[in-house]
Amino acid sequence: MNLQRRQFFTSAGSGLGMLALASLMQEEGLLAQDIEGPRTHFAPKAKRCIFLFMEGGPSQMDLFDPKPKLNELDGQPMPESLLNEIKFAFIQKESARLMGSPRKFQKYGECGMDLSDLLPHLSSCVDDIALVRSMHGEQFNHLPGQLMMLTGSALQGWPSIGSWLTYGLGSESKNLPSYVAMTTLGRGLPGGANSWSSGFLPSQYSGTLFRNQGSPILNLENPQGMSREFQQRSLQTIHELNRVRYDKLGNPEIASRIEAYELAFRMQRTAPELLDLSGETEGTLEDYGLNREDNAKDATAGFMHSYARNCLLARRMIERGVRFVTLFLSTWDHHSNLDRSLKRYTEISDQPVAALLKDLKQRGLLEDTLVVWGGEFGRTPLGENRANFQTVTGRDHHPYSFSMWLAGGGVQGGQVIGETDEIGWGVAKDPVHIHDLHATLLHLFGLDHKRLTYRFQGRDFRLTDVAGNLVPQLFQDVG
């Protein structure tokens, strides 16, 4: 049976009968985004993804990439030849000096991976991690850098990675969004909703923002005084009007709106259960660090509980069929007070991230759940000597070499990919561009990045645009 969207909406019953039929047909793979079925090109290893996005640009040489030579040259100028064609956000080239790291590195796991002393919990997971030290890009400011990492383009209006994946694979859940984004308390992002937008893809593939205060999704709860019976009658009327409008115009956004109403109706019952952690054991809550004491008085007050909760919710979401979850932690933009701020942000994130990896592995979920950790770029080996800074205590933006790591979902753990030069300025071996990372991520999901396209304004677009090469060291045998 091969129902077209127009046939379905002009022949199906209305109201709750329509909702029930829609749900049934979605299970049968006949409704909306699933009419064509998954667009996989070969057998996938990964089924779902949790992207731990560290907004602001974590300092790689203080966390993942030890540089003894940088420490030896601390306080010395950079060779002028390296600075000629380089752009900085804030550094004054003429008086810039190299800045070493006070962090202590040690080898961990059977693989002997070097990690900073700021990552004591993650260090127990290194044999499941593939650490890429040779990431690079071109964007040195936050908004274009974040858009590049999250959408494959530095321009606004392009679909995010989660949107491409849900477009290619469809949804595994009838009662929750296929793509969810979560932030930590009140911190925003330079790109705002562009960071999880569907761009020019139909809006049904856009991410849904779960808030961490008040109702998780705005307008999900019924207004006071509205009964479920009244809501049912309202939905019936709305569906009829939308159906008539779709029949006249054939606009896919109208169909996306209908699906949004259906999903919201089902989520009124499923979202509260998802967010209720009372069924989790005390041991699980302790592992994630939900009950850690947090005495912070600054802008990060409450972040320890908020981020730990988001990590646990990410596991609960993928268990319930959510395809893609992005957790944002803002902000690692440490232009000053790097040492103190980095300690704070690793204190917030290290324990729950490690707990998430271990929890997924213990439940048998890590094998087909891809976990990605990283930001939009890294930090300079130069100290930031901004004109109004009395002392140099931080680092500027640096897209030319930085670190990210991946685990699960077909990734070969226990290895380090790529190298940077002796001071961490540029990539010295096995460079991995952001487009290469995206191509490999899609590959793990059984999708050829050159063939997963969407026609828009007369041309076929893809996540990797006209670039991107696989990073074969990252994955086990796929396809």
Protein backbone atom coordinates (compact mmCIF):
# COMPACT_ATOMS: atom_id res chain seq x y z
CA MET A 1 0.00 0.00 0.00
CA ASN A 2 1.46 3.37 -0.98
CA LEU A 3 -0.64 6.26 0.33
CA GLN A 4 0.21 9.77 -0.77
CA ARG A 5 -0.15 12.60 1.74
CA ARG A 6 -3.00 14.25 -0.22
CA GLN A 7 -4.96 10.96 -0.38
CA PHE A 8 -4.54 10.41 3.31
CA PHE A 9 -5.71 13.82 4.46
CA THR A 10 -8.70 13.91 2.09
CA SER A 11 -9.99 10.43 2.95
CA ALA A 12 -9.23 9.87 6.65
CA GLY A 13 -11.71 10.61 9.43
CA SER A 14 -11.34 13.67 11.59
CA GLY A 15 -10.74 14.38 15.27
CA LEU A 16 -9.39 11.63 17.54
CA GLY A 17 -10.18 9.02 14.91
CA MET A 18 -7.79 10.83 12.62
CA LEU A 19 -5.18 10.95 15.39
CA ALA A 20 -5.50 7.24 16.03
CA LEU A 21 -5.27 6.42 12.32
CA ALA A 22 -2.27 8.70 11.96
CA SER A 23 -0.52 6.92 14.83
CA LEU A 24 -1.35 3.52 13.36
CA MET A 25 -0.11 4.48 9.91
CA GLN A 26 3.08 5.91 11.37
CA GLU A 27 3.73 2.53 12.98
CA GLU A 28 3.17 0.90 9.60
CA GLY A 29 5.64 3.33 7.99
CA LEU A 30 3.01 5.00 5.80
CA LEU A 31 2.57 8.45 7.28
CA ALA A 32 4.29 11.68 6.34
CA GLN A 33 8.08 11.49 6.74
CA ASP A 34 8.04 7.69 6.61
CA ILE A 35 6.27 7.31 3.24
CA GLU A 36 9.62 6.80 1.53
CA GLY A 37 11.07 4.87 4.43
CA PRO A 38 14.55 5.46 5.85
CA ARG A 39 16.98 6.77 3.26
CA THR A 40 19.88 4.63 4.47
CA HIS A 41 22.38 3.58 1.84
CA PHE A 42 24.00 0.71 3.78
CA ALA A 43 23.69 -1.05 7.12
CA PRO A 44 24.10 1.48 9.97
CA LYS A 45 25.99 1.02 13.22
CA ALA A 46 24.38 3.94 15.02
CA LYS A 47 20.65 4.44 15.59
CA ARG A 48 20.63 7.58 17.72
CA CYS A 49 22.99 10.38 18.74
CA ILE A 50 23.69 12.52 21.81
CA PHE A 51 25.72 15.62 20.91
CA LEU A 52 27.31 17.22 23.98
CA PHE A 53 27.93 20.69 22.62
CA MET A 54 30.33 22.79 24.69
CA GLU A 55 29.45 26.28 23.51
CA GLY A 56 32.24 28.82 23.54
CA GLY A 57 35.28 26.76 22.55
CA PRO A 58 36.98 24.55 25.21
CA SER A 59 40.74 24.88 25.59
CA GLN A 60 42.21 21.73 24.03
CA MET A 61 45.76 22.15 25.35
CA ASP A 62 44.38 22.32 28.90
CA LEU A 63 42.12 19.26 28.52
CA PHE A 64 43.09 16.85 25.74
CA ASP A 65 46.32 17.83 23.97
CA PRO A 66 49.38 18.17 26.23
CA LYS A 67 52.10 20.46 24.91
CA PRO A 68 55.38 20.29 26.89
CA LYS A 69 57.10 22.49 24.29
CA LEU A 70 54.46 25.17 24.77
CA ASN A 71 55.19 25.19 28.49
CA GLU A 72 58.92 25.42 27.74
CA LEU A 73 58.34 28.45 25.48
CA ASP A 74 55.92 30.17 27.85
CA GLY A 75 56.20 33.96 27.55
CA GLN A 76 58.02 33.95 24.20
CA PRO A 77 56.65 35.51 20.99
CA MET A 78 55.29 33.46 18.10
CA PRO A 79 57.30 33.34 14.88
CA GLU A 80 56.05 36.23 12.74
CA SER A 81 55.66 33.91 9.75
CA LEU A 82 52.88 32.03 11.56
CA LEU A 83 50.96 35.19 12.36
CA ASN A 84 50.93 36.92 8.98
CA GLU A 85 47.72 35.47 7.56
CA ILE A 86 45.97 34.69 10.85
CA LYS A 87 42.90 36.49 12.15
CA PHE A 88 42.04 36.78 15.83
CA ALA A 89 38.92 37.86 17.61
CA PHE A 90 40.78 39.95 20.23
CA ILE A 91 44.54 39.22 20.37
CA GLN A 92 46.96 42.00 19.46
CA LYS A 93 49.52 40.26 17.29
CA GLU A 94 52.47 42.55 17.92
CA SER A 95 52.69 41.93 21.65
CA ALA A 96 51.19 38.43 21.85
CA ARG A 97 53.12 35.79 23.78
CA LEU A 98 52.85 32.02 24.08
CA MET A 99 51.11 30.80 27.22
CA GLY A 100 51.75 27.36 28.67
CA SER A 101 49.28 25.27 30.65
CA PRO A 102 49.37 24.61 34.41
CA ARG A 103 47.48 21.35 33.95
CA LYS A 104 49.00 17.97 34.70
CA PHE A 105 48.47 15.19 32.15
CA GLN A 106 48.53 11.47 32.76
CA LYS A 107 48.00 8.33 30.67
CA TYR A 108 44.79 6.38 31.32
CA GLY A 109 43.21 3.11 30.27
CA GLU A 110 44.64 0.24 28.31
CA CYS A 111 45.08 2.62 25.37
CA GLY A 112 47.27 5.01 27.38
CA MET A 113 45.37 8.14 26.39
CA ASP A 114 46.67 11.42 27.86
CA LEU A 115 44.03 13.49 29.64
CA SER A 116 44.17 16.53 31.91
CA ASP A 117 43.80 16.34 35.68
CA LEU A 118 40.56 18.29 35.22
CA LEU A 119 38.89 15.16 33.78
CA PRO A 120 39.14 12.50 36.52
CA HIS A 121 35.79 10.89 35.66
CA LEU A 122 36.18 10.87 31.88
CA SER A 123 39.62 9.31 32.34
CA SER A 124 37.90 6.08 33.40
CA CYS A 125 36.11 5.92 30.00
CA VAL A 126 39.02 6.45 27.59
CA ASP A 127 38.97 2.91 26.19
CA ASP A 128 35.52 3.68 24.76
CA ILE A 129 36.56 7.07 23.36
CA ALA A 130 38.07 8.10 20.04
CA LEU A 131 39.83 11.41 20.66
CA VAL A 132 40.37 13.57 17.56
CA ARG A 133 43.14 16.10 18.17
CA SER A 134 43.33 17.36 14.59
CA MET A 135 39.95 19.05 14.13
CA HIS A 136 40.04 22.29 12.16
CA GLY A 137 37.83 24.86 10.46
CA GLU A 138 37.87 28.46 9.31
CA GLN A 139 35.36 30.37 11.45
CA PHE A 140 36.95 32.23 14.40
CA ASN A 141 33.82 33.91 15.83
CA HIS A 142 31.13 32.16 17.82
CA LEU A 143 28.00 32.51 15.70
CA PRO A 144 29.48 31.38 12.37
CA GLY A 145 31.62 28.80 14.18
CA GLN A 146 28.68 27.25 15.97
CA LEU A 147 26.53 27.28 12.85
CA MET A 148 29.37 25.60 10.95
CA MET A 149 29.70 22.84 13.55
CA LEU A 150 25.96 22.33 13.98
CA THR A 151 24.67 22.86 10.42
CA GLY A 152 27.65 22.52 8.08
CA SER A 153 27.41 26.17 7.02
CA ALA A 154 28.48 29.44 8.62
CA LEU A 155 25.31 31.04 7.25
CA GLN A 156 21.97 31.06 9.03
CA GLY A 157 19.07 29.11 7.58
CA TRP A 158 20.72 25.75 6.95
CA PRO A 159 19.39 22.52 8.53
CA SER A 160 21.12 21.26 11.66
CA ILE A 161 22.74 17.83 11.93
CA GLY A 162 19.79 16.47 13.91
CA SER A 163 17.40 17.68 11.20
CA TRP A 164 19.40 15.95 8.47
CA LEU A 165 19.43 12.73 10.47
CA THR A 166 15.71 12.75 11.16
CA TYR A 167 15.08 13.61 7.51
CA GLY A 168 17.21 10.65 6.48
CA LEU A 169 16.05 8.13 9.08
CA GLY A 170 12.62 9.20 10.31
CA SER A 171 11.48 8.84 13.91
CA GLU A 172 11.56 5.88 16.26
CA SER A 173 9.07 7.45 18.67
CA LYS A 174 5.33 7.98 18.28
CA ASN A 175 4.99 10.07 21.44
CA LEU A 176 8.11 12.23 21.60
CA PRO A 177 9.93 14.47 19.12
CA SER A 178 12.58 12.74 17.05
CA TYR A 179 14.99 15.61 17.77
CA VAL A 180 15.36 17.43 21.10
CA ALA A 181 17.63 20.27 22.24
CA MET A 182 18.33 21.18 25.88
CA THR A 183 20.23 24.11 27.35
CA THR A 184 21.58 24.61 30.88
CA LEU A 185 19.38 26.94 32.90
CA GLY A 186 19.07 30.42 31.42
CA ARG A 187 22.16 30.54 29.23
CA GLY A 188 21.37 31.34 25.61
CA LEU A 189 23.32 30.70 22.41
CA PRO A 190 24.54 33.17 19.77
CA GLY A 191 22.67 31.23 17.09
CA GLY A 192 19.52 30.73 19.14
CA ALA A 193 17.00 28.42 17.45
CA ASN A 194 19.22 28.27 14.34
CA SER A 195 21.31 25.79 16.32
CA TRP A 196 18.55 23.17 16.12
CA SER A 197 16.49 24.47 13.21
CA SER A 198 15.39 22.44 10.17
CA GLY A 199 16.40 25.35 7.92
CA PHE A 200 15.04 24.78 4.43
CA LEU A 201 13.97 21.21 5.26
CA PRO A 202 10.28 20.84 6.20
CA SER A 203 9.70 22.05 9.75
CA GLN A 204 8.71 18.56 10.96
CA TYR A 205 12.46 17.85 11.08
CA SER A 206 13.27 20.80 13.36
CA GLY A 207 14.51 20.22 16.90
CA THR A 208 12.19 20.74 19.86
CA LEU A 209 13.62 22.81 22.72
CA PHE A 210 13.01 21.30 26.17
CA ARG A 211 13.22 24.02 28.80
CA ASN A 212 14.68 23.20 32.21
CA GLN A 213 12.42 25.51 34.20
CA GLY A 214 8.64 25.48 34.29
CA SER A 215 6.81 23.57 31.59
CA PRO A 216 9.39 21.73 29.43
CA ILE A 217 7.67 22.86 26.23
CA LEU A 218 5.81 26.13 25.95
CA ASN A 219 2.06 25.82 25.30
CA LEU A 220 2.07 22.05 25.82
CA GLU A 221 -0.19 22.23 28.87
CA ASN A 222 -3.87 23.09 28.47
CA PRO A 223 -4.95 26.54 29.64
CA GLN A 224 -6.67 26.58 33.00
CA GLY A 225 -10.33 25.60 32.65
CA MET A 226 -9.94 23.72 29.35
CA SER A 227 -11.19 20.15 29.68
CA ARG A 228 -9.80 17.26 27.64
CA GLU A 229 -13.18 16.94 25.92
CA PHE A 230 -13.06 20.58 24.82
CA GLN A 231 -9.49 20.07 23.62
CA GLN A 232 -10.61 17.09 21.53
CA ARG A 233 -13.32 19.13 19.85
CA SER A 234 -10.85 21.96 19.21
CA LEU A 235 -8.34 19.57 17.66
CA GLN A 236 -11.06 18.12 15.45
CA THR A 237 -11.91 21.57 14.09
CA ILE A 238 -8.26 22.52 13.60
CA HIS A 239 -7.56 19.26 11.78
CA GLU A 240 -10.50 19.78 9.46
CA LEU A 241 -9.43 23.32 8.59
CA ASN A 242 -5.80 22.32 8.07
CA ARG A 243 -6.88 19.37 5.95
CA VAL A 244 -8.99 21.56 3.68
CA ARG A 245 -6.16 24.06 3.35
CA TYR A 246 -3.65 21.34 2.53
CA ASP A 247 -5.96 19.86 -0.10
CA LYS A 248 -6.15 23.27 -1.78
CA LEU A 249 -2.46 24.25 -1.62
CA GLY A 250 -0.49 21.02 -1.14
CA ASN A 251 1.96 22.93 1.07
CA PRO A 252 4.10 20.45 3.07
CA GLU A 253 4.33 22.95 5.94
CA ILE A 254 0.59 22.49 6.51
CA ALA A 255 1.16 18.75 6.84
CA SER A 256 4.01 19.47 9.26
CA ARG A 257 1.63 21.62 11.30
CA ILE A 258 -0.91 18.79 11.45
CA GLU A 259 1.80 16.41 12.66
CA ALA A 260 2.86 18.95 15.29
CA TYR A 261 -0.68 19.06 16.68
CA GLU A 262 -0.82 15.27 16.77
CA LEU A 263 2.54 15.00 18.53
CA ALA A 264 1.67 17.71 21.06
CA PHE A 265 -1.54 15.87 21.90
CA ARG A 266 0.35 12.63 22.60
CA MET A 267 3.15 14.42 24.45
CA GLN A 268 0.74 15.82 27.03
CA ARG A 269 0.80 12.36 28.57
CA THR A 270 4.29 11.13 27.70
CA ALA A 271 6.41 14.22 28.55
CA PRO A 272 5.57 14.27 32.29
CA GLU A 273 6.62 10.61 32.61
CA LEU A 274 9.85 11.29 30.73
CA LEU A 275 10.77 14.15 33.04
CA ASP A 276 9.86 12.35 36.25
CA LEU A 277 13.10 10.98 37.72
CA SER A 278 11.44 9.37 40.77
CA GLY A 279 11.80 5.94 39.18
CA GLU A 280 15.59 6.24 38.92
CA THR A 281 17.64 4.60 41.66
CA GLU A 282 19.53 6.63 44.22
CA GLY A 283 22.69 5.10 42.83
CA THR A 284 21.93 6.43 39.34
CA LEU A 285 21.18 9.91 40.65
CA GLU A 286 24.42 9.85 42.61
CA ASP A 287 26.43 8.61 39.62
CA TYR A 288 25.21 11.50 37.47
CA GLY A 289 25.82 13.95 40.32
CA LEU A 290 22.30 15.31 40.64
CA ASN A 291 22.75 15.75 44.38
CA ARG A 292 26.20 17.35 44.32
CA GLU A 293 26.68 20.35 46.55
CA ASP A 294 27.00 23.52 44.51
CA ASN A 295 28.09 26.66 46.33
CA ALA A 296 28.65 28.81 43.25
CA LYS A 297 27.54 32.43 43.61
CA ASP A 298 28.28 33.50 40.04
CA ALA A 299 26.31 33.12 36.79
CA THR A 300 26.83 29.35 36.84
CA ALA A 301 24.92 28.83 40.10
CA GLY A 302 22.71 25.77 39.70
CA PHE A 303 24.53 24.49 36.62
CA MET A 304 25.80 21.34 38.33
CA HIS A 305 22.29 20.01 38.97
CA SER A 306 20.90 21.33 35.69
CA TYR A 307 23.56 19.73 33.48
CA ALA A 308 23.53 16.44 35.40
CA ARG A 309 19.75 16.29 34.99
CA ASN A 310 20.02 16.99 31.27
CA CYS A 311 22.54 14.16 30.84
CA LEU A 312 20.22 11.73 32.60
CA LEU A 313 17.26 12.98 30.58
CA ALA A 314 19.25 12.41 27.38
CA ARG A 315 19.59 8.73 28.29
CA ARG A 316 15.86 8.51 29.09
CA MET A 317 15.02 10.17 25.78
CA ILE A 318 17.02 7.83 23.58
CA GLU A 319 15.55 4.89 25.49
CA ARG A 320 12.11 6.16 24.41
CA GLY A 321 12.99 6.53 20.75
CA VAL A 322 14.28 10.09 20.42
CA ARG A 323 16.67 10.02 17.49
CA PHE A 324 18.93 13.01 18.22
CA VAL A 325 19.57 14.94 21.44
CA THR A 326 21.78 18.03 21.70
CA LEU A 327 22.87 19.19 25.16
CA PHE A 328 24.26 22.71 25.22
CA LEU A 329 26.55 23.86 28.02
CA SER A 330 27.41 27.58 27.87
CA THR A 331 29.95 29.04 27.95
CA TRP A 332 33.53 27.80 27.62
CA ASP A 333 34.58 31.17 26.16
CA HIS A 334 37.44 31.79 28.54
CA HIS A 335 39.19 34.95 27.39
CA SER A 336 40.27 35.56 30.97
CA ASN A 337 40.47 33.59 34.22
CA LEU A 338 40.95 30.44 32.16
CA ASP A 339 42.31 28.27 34.95
CA ARG A 340 39.52 29.03 37.43
CA SER A 341 36.74 28.95 34.82
CA LEU A 342 37.93 25.71 33.25
CA LYS A 343 37.96 24.06 36.66
CA ARG A 344 34.37 25.20 37.16
CA TYR A 345 33.09 23.93 33.82
CA THR A 346 34.78 20.56 34.11
CA GLU A 347 33.41 20.31 37.65
CA ILE A 348 29.94 20.86 36.16
CA SER A 349 30.29 18.43 33.26
CA ASP A 350 32.94 15.77 33.83
CA GLN A 351 31.00 13.54 36.24
CA PRO A 352 27.63 13.50 34.43
CA VAL A 353 29.24 12.99 31.01
CA ALA A 354 31.24 10.01 32.26
CA ALA A 355 28.13 8.68 34.05
CA LEU A 356 26.18 8.95 30.79
CA LEU A 357 28.76 6.89 28.91
CA LYS A 358 28.88 4.23 31.61
CA ASP A 359 25.09 4.15 31.95
CA LEU A 360 24.62 3.71 28.20
CA LYS A 361 27.22 0.95 28.14
CA GLN A 362 25.74 -0.88 31.14
CA ARG A 363 22.29 -0.84 29.51
CA GLY A 364 23.59 -2.08 26.17
CA LEU A 365 22.78 1.23 24.49
CA LEU A 366 26.27 2.58 23.78
CA GLU A 367 26.80 0.08 20.98
CA ASP A 368 24.28 1.86 18.74
CA THR A 369 24.18 5.31 20.39
CA LEU A 370 26.76 7.77 19.11
CA VAL A 371 28.02 10.29 21.68
CA VAL A 372 29.89 13.37 20.41
CA TRP A 373 31.67 15.93 22.64
CA GLY A 374 33.02 19.26 21.43
CA GLY A 375 32.56 22.95 20.72
CA GLU A 376 32.77 25.24 17.72
CA PHE A 377 36.57 25.66 17.93
CA GLY A 378 39.44 25.58 20.43
CA ARG A 379 41.71 28.17 22.06
CA THR A 380 45.01 29.75 21.06
CA PRO A 381 48.41 28.72 22.44
CA LEU A 382 48.87 32.48 22.80
CA GLY A 383 47.64 34.26 25.88
CA GLU A 384 44.96 36.86 25.17
CA ASN A 385 46.48 40.30 25.53
CA ARG A 386 43.39 42.40 24.91
CA ALA A 387 44.06 46.13 25.27
CA ASN A 388 41.95 46.58 28.38
CA PHE A 389 43.32 43.48 30.16
CA GLN A 390 45.80 44.25 32.92
CA THR A 391 46.99 40.65 33.07
CA VAL A 392 46.93 37.80 30.56
CA THR A 393 44.92 34.91 32.01
CA GLY A 394 42.94 33.50 29.08
CA ARG A 395 43.06 32.37 25.46
CA ASP A 396 41.42 33.65 22.27
CA HIS A 397 39.36 31.71 19.69
CA HIS A 398 41.30 29.19 17.60
CA PRO A 399 39.66 27.22 14.75
CA TYR A 400 42.93 26.04 13.17
CA SER A 401 43.42 23.05 15.49
CA PHE A 402 41.24 21.74 18.29
CA SER A 403 40.00 18.53 19.91
CA MET A 404 36.73 16.61 19.98
CA TRP A 405 35.85 13.07 20.99
CA LEU A 406 33.31 10.43 19.98
CA ALA A 407 32.15 7.18 21.59
CA GLY A 408 29.71 4.38 20.81
CA GLY A 409 27.62 4.00 17.67
CA GLY A 410 30.25 2.05 15.74
CA VAL A 411 33.17 4.27 16.75
CA GLN A 412 36.44 2.49 17.46
CA GLY A 413 37.30 3.59 21.00
CA GLY A 414 40.63 3.65 22.80
CA GLN A 415 42.50 5.67 20.19
CA VAL A 416 43.80 9.13 19.41
CA ILE A 417 43.42 10.41 15.85
CA GLY A 418 45.61 13.17 14.47
CA GLU A 419 48.32 15.36 15.92
CA THR A 420 48.97 19.06 16.30
CA ASP A 421 52.37 20.72 16.13
CA GLU A 422 54.57 21.07 19.19
CA ILE A 423 52.88 24.25 20.43
CA GLY A 424 49.33 23.32 19.35
CA TRP A 425 49.07 25.98 16.67
CA GLY A 426 48.18 23.88 13.64
CA VAL A 427 47.45 20.31 12.55
CA ALA A 428 50.57 18.24 11.93
CA LYS A 429 49.02 14.85 11.06
CA ASP A 430 45.70 13.46 9.82
CA PRO A 431 43.65 16.67 9.62
CA VAL A 432 39.90 16.32 10.18
CA HIS A 433 37.79 19.18 8.88
CA ILE A 434 34.30 19.82 10.26
CA HIS A 435 32.88 18.59 6.93
CA ASP A 436 34.85 15.36 7.38
CA LEU A 437 33.37 14.90 10.85
CA HIS A 438 29.85 15.38 9.45
CA ALA A 439 30.46 12.96 6.57
CA THR A 440 31.69 10.31 9.02
CA LEU A 441 28.81 10.91 11.42
CA LEU A 442 26.28 10.32 8.64
CA HIS A 443 28.23 7.23 7.54
CA LEU A 444 27.84 5.70 10.99
CA PHE A 445 24.08 6.05 10.52
CA GLY A 446 24.17 4.28 7.17
CA LEU A 447 23.91 7.49 5.17
CA ASP A 448 26.18 8.52 2.29
CA HIS A 449 26.76 12.25 2.76
CA LYS A 450 26.95 12.74 -1.02
CA ARG A 451 23.60 11.05 -1.60
CA LEU A 452 21.57 12.44 1.32
CA THR A 453 20.32 15.56 -0.43
CA TYR A 454 17.36 17.93 -0.44
CA ARG A 455 16.37 20.04 -3.41
CA PHE A 456 15.92 23.69 -2.54
CA GLN A 457 15.82 26.73 -4.81
CA GLY A 458 16.90 24.76 -7.85
CA ARG A 459 19.85 22.82 -6.45
CA ASP A 460 20.51 19.77 -4.31
CA PHE A 461 21.86 20.62 -0.87
CA ARG A 462 23.58 18.34 1.61
CA LEU A 463 25.01 18.62 5.12
CA THR A 464 28.60 18.65 3.82
CA ASP A 465 27.81 20.99 0.88
CA VAL A 466 30.45 20.18 -1.77
CA ALA A 467 33.16 18.94 0.63
CA GLY A 468 33.71 16.21 3.20
CA ASN A 469 35.77 13.00 3.34
CA LEU A 470 35.28 10.01 5.62
CA VAL A 471 37.64 9.51 8.55
CA PRO A 472 38.04 5.72 8.37
CA GLN A 473 40.10 5.53 11.57
CA LEU A 474 37.01 6.57 13.52
CA PHE A 475 34.67 3.72 12.75
CA GLN A 476 34.61 -0.01 12.97
CA ASP A 477 33.58 -1.90 9.83
CA VAL A 478 30.37 -0.29 8.53
CA GLY A 479 28.46 -1.33 5.42
